[in-house]
Amino acid sequence: MPGRSVSRQTLSRLPTYLHFLRSLEGEGRRYVSATAVAEALGLNDVVVRKDLASVSSSGRPKVGYVRTELIGELEHFLGYDNTQEAILVGAGKLGKALLSYDVFPQYGLDILAGFDTDPQVYGTEVGGKKILPMEKLSNLCRRMRVRIGIITVPGEHAQEVCDTLIEGGILAVWNFANVHLSVPEGVLVQNENMAVSLAILSNHLKERFSTK
């Protein structure tokens, strides 16, 4: 029986495997091996084999995995077959883009509504999601038992928003604001820091061109 606890590195790779396996839908391939996955994604086959073994015990030597069964196991492990409801705070350009992103349900995420402090957007809809005033946030989170909050507000307001989310019972925060958030034990913050990503890209280019 595969272990149910995996490292963050493994967890970060599993969605990539799932996306690749889904992309084979039209090729009629019943079986797929860890080696084939590794070659297609440019990864170490030992790493891929260990990753897949941590979530599935159905692989067969020299045959591999039944592709559809492995897809189901990955979806279940990642929670994609158990939809989690979320709310988003900050209906600016980034917030509206996320509210309109219709692929989230494939990954088990359903954004119920957006919240903002601008009265001009109250009652409007983005991607079929209503924008509501902040005063309604805590009540909705408690009533609907929402556990995921998405923050897309300017950095100077992020901590205040985070505190409000936690007061409403939020246990996991997806933070798009470029600031460190302080949260109590038991609350997870996942930061999406675009500045860090851009710094990594820029540094890579600098290193490449400095060697020429």
Foldseek 3Di string as FASTA:
>chain_A
DAALDDDPVLVVCLVVLLVVLVVCVPVPDQFDALVNSCVVVVHDSVSSVVSLSNQDDQADPPTGHGSVVSSVSSLVSQVLVPAAEEEEEDPDPVVLVVLQPPCVNSSRYHYQAYEYCDPVQAQPDRNNHGYHYPVCQLVVCQVVVHAEYEYDHEQVCVQVVVVSNVSSPHQEYEYAYQDDYDDDPRRYYHYDDVVVVVVVVVVVVVVVVVVD
